[in-house]
PDB file of N, CA and C in Angstrom:
ATOM      1  N   LYS A   1      61.156  37.362  44.022  1.00  0.00           N
ATOM      2  CA  LYS A   1      59.874  37.852  42.979  1.00  0.00           C
ATOM      3  C   LYS A   1      58.808  36.866  43.505  1.00  0.00           C
ATOM      4  N   LYS A   2      58.998  35.491  43.782  1.00  0.00           N
ATOM      5  CA  LYS A   2      57.989  34.606  43.949  1.00  0.00           C
ATOM      6  C   LYS A   2      57.235  35.107  45.378  1.00  0.00           C
ATOM      7  N   GLN A   3      57.837  35.437  46.300  1.00  0.00           N
ATOM      8  CA  GLN A   3      57.251  35.853  47.534  1.00  0.00           C
ATOM      9  C   GLN A   3      56.332  37.053  47.280  1.00  0.00           C
ATOM     10  N   ILE A   4      56.883  38.127  46.400  1.00  0.00           N
ATOM     11  CA  ILE A   4      56.160  39.234  46.326  1.00  0.00           C
ATOM     12  C   ILE A   4      54.901  39.128  45.545  1.00  0.00           C
ATOM     13  N   THR A   5      55.179  38.074  44.621  1.00  0.00           N
ATOM     14  CA  THR A   5      53.602  37.801  43.864  1.00  0.00           C
ATOM     15  C   THR A   5      52.724  36.957  44.670  1.00  0.00           C
ATOM     16  N   LYS A   6      53.292  36.098  45.614  1.00  0.00           N
ATOM     17  CA  LYS A   6      52.220  35.395  46.613  1.00  0.00           C
ATOM     18  C   LYS A   6      51.534  36.487  47.450  1.00  0.00           C
ATOM     19  N   GLU A   7      52.358  37.514  47.864  1.00  0.00           N
ATOM     20  CA  GLU A   7      51.982  38.502  48.716  1.00  0.00           C
ATOM     21  C   GLU A   7      50.636  39.182  48.202  1.00  0.00           C
ATOM     22  N   ARG A   8      50.477  39.278  47.035  1.00  0.00           N
ATOM     23  CA  ARG A   8      49.238  39.907  46.406  1.00  0.00           C
ATOM     24  C   ARG A   8      48.076  39.380  46.909  1.00  0.00           C
ATOM     25  N   GLU A   9      48.126  37.848  47.302  1.00  0.00           N
ATOM     26  CA  GLU A   9      46.945  37.059  47.722  1.00  0.00           C
ATOM     27  C   GLU A   9      46.688  37.614  49.097  1.00  0.00           C
ATOM     28  N   VAL A  10      47.642  38.106  49.927  1.00  0.00           N
ATOM     29  CA  VAL A  10      47.262  38.391  51.297  1.00  0.00           C
ATOM     30  C   VAL A  10      46.826  39.959  51.410  1.00  0.00           C
ATOM     31  N   PRO A  11      45.677  40.265  52.298  1.00  0.00           N
ATOM     32  CA  PRO A  11      45.177  41.653  52.224  1.00  0.00           C
ATOM     33  C   PRO A  11      45.956  42.363  53.421  1.00  0.00           C
ATOM     34  N   TYR A  12      47.115  42.721  53.416  1.00  0.00           N
ATOM     35  CA  TYR A  12      47.576  43.653  54.176  1.00  0.00           C
ATOM     36  C   TYR A  12      47.818  44.946  53.485  1.00  0.00           C
ATOM     37  N   ASP A  13      47.676  45.934  54.315  1.00  0.00           N
ATOM     38  CA  ASP A  13      47.913  47.362  53.830  1.00  0.00           C
ATOM     39  C   ASP A  13      49.348  47.799  53.845  1.00  0.00           C
ATOM     40  N   ARG A  14      50.173  47.367  54.398  1.00  0.00           N
ATOM     41  CA  ARG A  14      51.864  47.434  54.300  1.00  0.00           C
ATOM     42  C   ARG A  14      52.439  46.080  54.569  1.00  0.00           C
ATOM     43  N   VAL A  15      53.878  46.025  53.953  1.00  0.00           N
ATOM     44  CA  VAL A  15      54.492  44.831  54.114  1.00  0.00           C
ATOM     45  C   VAL A  15      55.995  45.344  54.232  1.00  0.00           C
ATOM     46  N   PHE A  16      56.826  44.931  55.166  1.00  0.00           N
ATOM     47  CA  PHE A  16      58.140  45.545  55.390  1.00  0.00           C
ATOM     48  C   PHE A  16      59.092  44.237  55.119  1.00  0.00           C
ATOM     49  N   CYS A  17      59.951  44.675  54.469  1.00  0.00           N
ATOM     50  CA  CYS A  17      61.068  43.561  54.218  1.00  0.00           C
ATOM     51  C   CYS A  17      62.287  44.202  54.822  1.00  0.00           C
ATOM     52  N   VAL A  18      62.802  43.425  55.971  1.00  0.00           N
ATOM     53  CA  VAL A  18      63.892  43.933  56.531  1.00  0.00           C
ATOM     54  C   VAL A  18      65.075  43.167  56.114  1.00  0.00           C
ATOM     55  N   ILE A  19      66.005  43.928  55.460  1.00  0.00           N
ATOM     56  CA  ILE A  19      67.284  43.550  54.820  1.00  0.00           C
ATOM     57  C   ILE A  19      68.460  43.662  55.694  1.00  0.00           C
ATOM     58  N   ASP A  20      69.372  42.831  56.123  1.00  0.00           N
ATOM     59  CA  ASP A  20      70.682  43.130  56.416  1.00  0.00           C
ATOM     60  C   ASP A  20      71.597  43.782  55.535  1.00  0.00           C
ATOM     61  N   ARG A  21      72.330  44.703  55.879  1.00  0.00           N
ATOM     62  CA  ARG A  21      73.312  45.289  54.885  1.00  0.00           C
ATOM     63  C   ARG A  21      74.616  45.052  55.386  1.00  0.00           C
ATOM     64  N   ASP A  22      74.931  43.861  55.238  1.00  0.00           N
ATOM     65  CA  ASP A  22      76.162  43.161  55.235  1.00  0.00           C
ATOM     66  C   ASP A  22      77.026  43.373  54.047  1.00  0.00           C
ATOM     67  N   ARG A  23      77.382  42.248  53.544  1.00  0.00           N
ATOM     68  CA  ARG A  23      78.105  42.141  52.313  1.00  0.00           C
ATOM     69  C   ARG A  23      77.304  41.369  51.162  1.00  0.00           C
ATOM     70  N   HIS A  24      76.259  41.586  51.127  1.00  0.00           N
ATOM     71  CA  HIS A  24      75.608  40.914  50.018  1.00  0.00           C
ATOM     72  C   HIS A  24      75.739  41.632  48.656  1.00  0.00           C
ATOM     73  N   ALA A  25      75.871  40.753  47.660  1.00  0.00           N
ATOM     74  CA  ALA A  25      76.307  41.339  46.301  1.00  0.00           C
ATOM     75  C   ALA A  25      75.227  41.650  45.596  1.00  0.00           C
ATOM     76  N   ASP A  26      73.942  41.224  46.045  1.00  0.00           N
ATOM     77  CA  ASP A  26      72.484  41.623  45.310  1.00  0.00           C
ATOM     78  C   ASP A  26      71.473  42.510  46.243  1.00  0.00           C
ATOM     79  N   PHE A  27      72.180  43.122  47.090  1.00  0.00           N
ATOM     80  CA  PHE A  27      71.504  44.216  47.943  1.00  0.00           C
ATOM     81  C   PHE A  27      70.626  45.116  47.178  1.00  0.00           C
ATOM     82  N   GLY A  28      71.483  45.705  46.259  1.00  0.00           N
ATOM     83  CA  GLY A  28      70.983  46.841  45.251  1.00  0.00           C
ATOM     84  C   GLY A  28      69.672  46.183  44.500  1.00  0.00           C
ATOM     85  N   ASP A  29      70.046  45.036  44.007  1.00  0.00           N
ATOM     86  CA  ASP A  29      68.998  44.485  43.227  1.00  0.00           C
ATOM     87  C   ASP A  29      67.666  44.109  44.185  1.00  0.00           C
ATOM     88  N   ALA A  30      67.887  44.023  45.358  1.00  0.00           N
ATOM     89  CA  ALA A  30      66.854  43.340  46.215  1.00  0.00           C
ATOM     90  C   ALA A  30      65.875  44.960  46.695  1.00  0.00           C
ATOM     91  N   ILE A  31      66.917  45.936  46.836  1.00  0.00           N
ATOM     92  CA  ILE A  31      66.108  47.254  47.146  1.00  0.00           C
ATOM     93  C   ILE A  31      65.388  47.661  45.889  1.00  0.00           C
ATOM     94  N   ASN A  32      66.011  47.615  44.622  1.00  0.00           N
ATOM     95  CA  ASN A  32      65.137  48.107  43.495  1.00  0.00           C
ATOM     96  C   ASN A  32      63.991  47.256  43.052  1.00  0.00           C
ATOM     97  N   LEU A  33      63.963  45.993  43.392  1.00  0.00           N
ATOM     98  CA  LEU A  33      62.646  45.038  43.168  1.00  0.00           C
ATOM     99  C   LEU A  33      61.522  45.683  44.244  1.00  0.00           C
ATOM    100  N   ILE A  34      62.102  45.739  45.537  1.00  0.00           N
ATOM    101  CA  ILE A  34      60.957  46.286  46.545  1.00  0.00           C
ATOM    102  C   ILE A  34      60.412  47.719  46.106  1.00  0.00           C
ATOM    103  N   LYS A  35      61.243  48.710  45.756  1.00  0.00           N
ATOM    104  CA  LYS A  35      61.004  49.986  45.258  1.00  0.00           C
ATOM    105  C   LYS A  35      60.012  50.029  43.870  1.00  0.00           C
ATOM    106  N   GLY A  36      60.367  49.006  43.138  1.00  0.00           N
ATOM    107  CA  GLY A  36      59.477  48.763  41.842  1.00  0.00           C
ATOM    108  C   GLY A  36      58.306  48.351  41.870  1.00  0.00           C
ATOM    109  N   TYR A  37      58.054  47.566  43.208  1.00  0.00           N
ATOM    110  CA  TYR A  37      56.723  46.935  43.500  1.00  0.00           C
ATOM    111  C   TYR A  37      55.721  47.861  43.362  1.00  0.00           C
ATOM    112  N   ARG A  38      54.668  47.585  42.620  1.00  0.00           N
ATOM    113  CA  ARG A  38      53.324  48.429  42.370  1.00  0.00           C
ATOM    114  C   ARG A  38      52.069  47.641  43.008  1.00  0.00           C
ATOM    115  N   SER A  39      51.228  47.871  43.792  1.00  0.00           N
ATOM    116  CA  SER A  39      50.084  47.059  44.097  1.00  0.00           C
ATOM    117  C   SER A  39      49.002  48.435  44.649  1.00  0.00           C
ATOM    118  N   ARG A  40      47.615  48.105  44.172  1.00  0.00           N
ATOM    119  CA  ARG A  40      46.631  49.233  44.753  1.00  0.00           C
ATOM    120  C   ARG A  40      46.411  48.718  46.348  1.00  0.00           C
ATOM    121  N   GLN A  41      46.533  47.753  46.672  1.00  0.00           N
ATOM    122  CA  GLN A  41      46.084  47.340  48.092  1.00  0.00           C
ATOM    123  C   GLN A  41      47.307  47.140  49.095  1.00  0.00           C
ATOM    124  N   THR A  42      48.364  47.041  48.737  1.00  0.00           N
ATOM    125  CA  THR A  42      49.486  46.725  49.620  1.00  0.00           C
ATOM    126  C   THR A  42      50.733  47.793  49.336  1.00  0.00           C
ATOM    127  N   GLN A  43      51.150  48.458  50.265  1.00  0.00           N
ATOM    128  CA  GLN A  43      52.547  49.087  50.035  1.00  0.00           C
ATOM    129  C   GLN A  43      53.493  48.088  50.758  1.00  0.00           C
ATOM    130  N   LEU A  44      54.757  48.175  49.897  1.00  0.00           N
ATOM    131  CA  LEU A  44      55.869  47.359  50.216  1.00  0.00           C
ATOM    132  C   LEU A  44      57.114  48.229  50.466  1.00  0.00           C
ATOM    133  N   GLU A  45      57.699  48.071  51.732  1.00  0.00           N
ATOM    134  CA  GLU A  45      58.772  49.158  52.247  1.00  0.00           C
ATOM    135  C   GLU A  45      60.034  48.167  52.697  1.00  0.00           C
ATOM    136  N   ALA A  46      61.094  48.830  52.115  1.00  0.00           N
ATOM    137  CA  ALA A  46      62.276  48.014  52.578  1.00  0.00           C
ATOM    138  C   ALA A  46      62.831  48.812  53.881  1.00  0.00           C
ATOM    139  N   ILE A  47      63.456  47.976  54.598  1.00  0.00           N
ATOM    140  CA  ILE A  47      64.057  48.513  55.823  1.00  0.00           C
ATOM    141  C   ILE A  47      65.512  48.076  55.925  1.00  0.00           C
ATOM    142  N   VAL A  48      66.369  48.753  56.025  1.00  0.00           N
ATOM    143  CA  VAL A  48      67.687  48.340  55.891  1.00  0.00           C
ATOM    144  C   VAL A  48      68.249  48.264  57.369  1.00  0.00           C
ATOM    145  N   SER A  49      68.789  47.169  57.617  1.00  0.00           N
ATOM    146  CA  SER A  49      69.406  47.162  59.183  1.00  0.00           C
ATOM    147  C   SER A  49      70.930  47.110  59.084  1.00  0.00           C
ATOM    148  N   HIS A  50      71.378  47.863  60.024  1.00  0.00           N
ATOM    149  CA  HIS A  50      72.518  48.180  60.081  1.00  0.00           C
ATOM    150  C   HIS A  50      73.046  47.919  61.839  1.00  0.00           C
ATOM    151  N   PRO A  51      73.781  47.246  62.058  1.00  0.00           N
ATOM    152  CA  PRO A  51      74.938  46.333  61.383  1.00  0.00           C
ATOM    153  C   PRO A  51      74.080  45.212  60.823  1.00  0.00           C
ATOM    154  N   CYS A  52      73.204  44.543  61.810  1.00  0.00           N
ATOM    155  CA  CYS A  52      72.641  43.330  61.126  1.00  0.00           C
ATOM    156  C   CYS A  52      71.292  43.318  62.015  1.00  0.00           C
ATOM    157  N   PHE A  53      70.408  42.384  61.655  1.00  0.00           N
ATOM    158  CA  PHE A  53      68.896  42.375  62.157  1.00  0.00           C
ATOM    159  C   PHE A  53      69.003  41.739  63.577  1.00  0.00           C
ATOM    160  N   GLU A  54      70.056  40.911  63.932  1.00  0.00           N
ATOM    161  CA  GLU A  54      70.254  40.526  65.179  1.00  0.00           C
ATOM    162  C   GLU A  54      70.504  41.296  66.347  1.00  0.00           C
ATOM    163  N   TYR A  55      70.996  42.432  66.016  1.00  0.00           N
ATOM    164  CA  TYR A  55      71.148  43.518  67.059  1.00  0.00           C
ATOM    165  C   TYR A  55      69.728  44.035  67.593  1.00  0.00           C
ATOM    166  N   TRP A  56      69.019  44.169  66.695  1.00  0.00           N
ATOM    167  CA  TRP A  56      67.542  44.712  67.250  1.00  0.00           C
ATOM    168  C   TRP A  56      66.817  43.561  68.014  1.00  0.00           C
ATOM    169  N   LEU A  57      67.304  42.570  67.813  1.00  0.00           N
ATOM    170  CA  LEU A  57      66.689  41.102  68.747  1.00  0.00           C
ATOM    171  C   LEU A  57      67.481  41.213  69.961  1.00  0.00           C
ATOM    172  N   LEU A  58      68.780  41.681  69.888  1.00  0.00           N
ATOM    173  CA  LEU A  58      69.302  41.667  71.267  1.00  0.00           C
ATOM    174  C   LEU A  58      68.898  42.658  72.160  1.00  0.00           C
ATOM    175  N   LEU A  59      68.552  43.833  71.632  1.00  0.00           N
ATOM    176  CA  LEU A  59      68.029  44.761  72.306  1.00  0.00           C
ATOM    177  C   LEU A  59      66.670  44.541  73.217  1.00  0.00           C
ATOM    178  N   HIS A  60      66.114  43.783  72.421  1.00  0.00           N
ATOM    179  CA  HIS A  60      64.909  43.157  73.207  1.00  0.00           C
ATOM    180  C   HIS A  60      65.381  42.254  74.513  1.00  0.00           C
ATOM    181  N   PHE A  61      66.372  41.982  74.779  1.00  0.00           N
ATOM    182  CA  PHE A  61      66.566  41.455  76.120  1.00  0.00           C
ATOM    183  C   PHE A  61      67.746  42.319  76.969  1.00  0.00           C
ATOM    184  N   GLU A  62      68.377  42.976  76.421  1.00  0.00           N
ATOM    185  CA  GLU A  62      69.374  43.935  77.263  1.00  0.00           C
ATOM    186  C   GLU A  62      69.859  45.004  76.526  1.00  0.00           C
ATOM    187  N   TYR A  63      70.073  46.128  77.210  1.00  0.00           N
ATOM    188  CA  TYR A  63      70.473  47.375  76.756  1.00  0.00           C
ATOM    189  C   TYR A  63      72.178  47.037  76.533  1.00  0.00           C
ATOM    190  N   THR A  64      72.756  47.650  75.553  1.00  0.00           N
ATOM    191  CA  THR A  64      74.056  47.494  75.098  1.00  0.00           C
ATOM    192  C   THR A  64      74.617  48.576  74.384  1.00  0.00           C
ATOM    193  N   THR A  65      75.909  48.918  74.548  1.00  0.00           N
ATOM    194  CA  THR A  65      76.588  50.067  73.903  1.00  0.00           C
ATOM    195  C   THR A  65      77.711  49.218  73.200  1.00  0.00           C
ATOM    196  N   MET A  66      77.774  47.825  73.305  1.00  0.00           N
ATOM    197  CA  MET A  66      79.039  47.202  72.801  1.00  0.00           C
ATOM    198  C   MET A  66      79.062  47.319  71.211  1.00  0.00           C
ATOM    199  N   VAL A  67      80.363  47.525  70.849  1.00  0.00           N
ATOM    200  CA  VAL A  67      80.525  47.669  69.388  1.00  0.00           C
ATOM    201  C   VAL A  67      80.522  46.117  68.752  1.00  0.00           C
ATOM    202  N   PHE A  68      80.042  45.631  68.021  1.00  0.00           N
ATOM    203  CA  PHE A  68      80.024  44.629  67.125  1.00  0.00           C
ATOM    204  C   PHE A  68      80.713  44.884  65.902  1.00  0.00           C
ATOM    205  N   GLY A  69      81.786  44.360  65.808  1.00  0.00           N
ATOM    206  CA  GLY A  69      82.379  44.538  64.395  1.00  0.00           C
ATOM    207  C   GLY A  69      82.764  43.148  63.686  1.00  0.00           C
ATOM    208  N   ALA A  70      83.504  43.190  62.697  1.00  0.00           N
ATOM    209  CA  ALA A  70      83.770  42.400  61.938  1.00  0.00           C
ATOM    210  C   ALA A  70      84.888  41.128  62.731  1.00  0.00           C
ATOM    211  N   SER A  71      84.564  39.945  62.767  1.00  0.00           N
ATOM    212  CA  SER A  71      85.092  38.925  63.526  1.00  0.00           C
ATOM    213  C   SER A  71      85.166  37.502  62.454  1.00  0.00           C
ATOM    214  N   GLY A  72      84.682  37.434  61.330  1.00  0.00           N
ATOM    215  CA  GLY A  72      84.729  36.391  60.717  1.00  0.00           C
ATOM    216  C   GLY A  72      83.975  36.680  59.346  1.00  0.00           C
ATOM    217  N   ASP A  73      83.102  35.601  59.289  1.00  0.00           N
ATOM    218  CA  ASP A  73      82.486  35.988  57.751  1.00  0.00           C
ATOM    219  C   ASP A  73      81.413  37.017  57.622  1.00  0.00           C
ATOM    220  N   SER A  74      80.973  37.299  58.973  1.00  0.00           N
ATOM    221  CA  SER A  74      79.843  38.093  59.104  1.00  0.00           C
ATOM    222  C   SER A  74      80.266  39.205  60.352  1.00  0.00           C
ATOM    223  N   PRO A  75      79.927  40.684  59.757  1.00  0.00           N
ATOM    224  CA  PRO A  75      80.384  41.605  60.839  1.00  0.00           C
ATOM    225  C   PRO A  75      79.389  41.385  62.122  1.00  0.00           C
ATOM    226  N   CYS A  76      78.514  40.409  62.095  1.00  0.00           N
ATOM    227  CA  CYS A  76      77.558  40.222  63.345  1.00  0.00           C
ATOM    228  C   CYS A  76      77.950  38.904  63.933  1.00  0.00           C
ATOM    229  N   ASP A  77      79.055  38.231  63.964  1.00  0.00           N
ATOM    230  CA  ASP A  77      79.138  36.878  64.233  1.00  0.00           C
ATOM    231  C   ASP A  77      78.929  36.994  65.614  1.00  0.00           C
ATOM    232  N   ASP A  78      79.822  37.870  66.402  1.00  0.00           N
ATOM    233  CA  ASP A  78      79.741  38.042  67.954  1.00  0.00           C
ATOM    234  C   ASP A  78      78.291  38.211  68.289  1.00  0.00           C
ATOM    235  N   LEU A  79      77.636  39.077  67.619  1.00  0.00           N
ATOM    236  CA  LEU A  79      76.285  39.660  68.184  1.00  0.00           C
ATOM    237  C   LEU A  79      75.360  38.256  68.076  1.00  0.00           C
ATOM    238  N   ILE A  80      75.577  37.488  67.050  1.00  0.00           N
ATOM    239  CA  ILE A  80      74.720  36.182  66.745  1.00  0.00           C
ATOM    240  C   ILE A  80      74.780  35.214  67.928  1.00  0.00           C
ATOM    241  N   ALA A  81      76.070  35.001  68.284  1.00  0.00           N
ATOM    242  CA  ALA A  81      76.427  34.187  69.373  1.00  0.00           C
ATOM    243  C   ALA A  81      75.729  34.925  70.613  1.00  0.00           C
ATOM    244  N   ASN A  82      75.776  36.110  70.954  1.00  0.00           N
ATOM    245  CA  ASN A  82      75.158  36.773  72.035  1.00  0.00           C
ATOM    246  C   ASN A  82      73.446  36.561  72.013  1.00  0.00           C
ATOM    247  N   VAL A  83      72.931  36.599  70.975  1.00  0.00           N
ATOM    248  CA  VAL A  83      71.615  36.460  70.858  1.00  0.00           C
ATOM    249  C   VAL A  83      71.298  34.957  71.252  1.00  0.00           C
ATOM    250  N   ARG A  84      71.880  34.107  70.728  1.00  0.00           N
ATOM    251  CA  ARG A  84      71.687  32.607  70.813  1.00  0.00           C
ATOM    252  C   ARG A  84      71.674  32.237  72.265  1.00  0.00           C
ATOM    253  N   THR A  85      72.880  32.891  72.934  1.00  0.00           N
ATOM    254  CA  THR A  85      72.774  32.702  74.434  1.00  0.00           C
ATOM    255  C   THR A  85      71.581  32.997  75.115  1.00  0.00           C
ATOM    256  N   HIS A  86      70.953  34.368  74.948  1.00  0.00           N
ATOM    257  CA  HIS A  86      69.624  34.397  75.209  1.00  0.00           C
ATOM    258  C   HIS A  86      68.292  33.481  74.850  1.00  0.00           C
ATOM    259  N   GLN A  87      68.743  33.029  73.733  1.00  0.00           N
ATOM    260  CA  GLN A  87      67.436  32.267  73.596  1.00  0.00           C
ATOM    261  C   GLN A  87      67.666  30.928  74.159  1.00  0.00           C
ATOM    262  N   LYS A  88      68.698  30.383  74.587  1.00  0.00           N
ATOM    263  CA  LYS A  88      69.042  29.254  75.444  1.00  0.00           C
ATOM    264  C   LYS A  88      68.661  29.390  76.889  1.00  0.00           C
ATOM    265  N   GLN A  89      68.556  30.683  77.232  1.00  0.00           N
ATOM    266  CA  GLN A  89      68.092  30.985  78.615  1.00  0.00           C
ATOM    267  C   GLN A  89      66.396  31.017  78.891  1.00  0.00           C
ATOM    268  N   GLU A  90      65.875  31.060  77.505  1.00  0.00           N
ATOM    269  CA  GLU A  90      64.470  31.060  77.893  1.00  0.00           C
ATOM    270  C   GLU A  90      63.738  29.896  77.777  1.00  0.00           C
TER     271      GLU A  90
END
């Protein structure tokens, strides 16, 4: 909520909130907060990322059809490790 209030001071037409749809208990609350936001100057939009945001980062480095499934605390643990490998190479 504090960030949304701060955003009012920034003159953007649109602001996008990218949210992972993993196992977050407060996911619905976050979406409702974004949908309920009203401003004359700025449109706030939620973008839900499946399976996780890191997947889109990986696609900037390589094409993949690999399935990233649950292998720990996050369904994207393997994917996050893959993205980190690319970061180290740069």
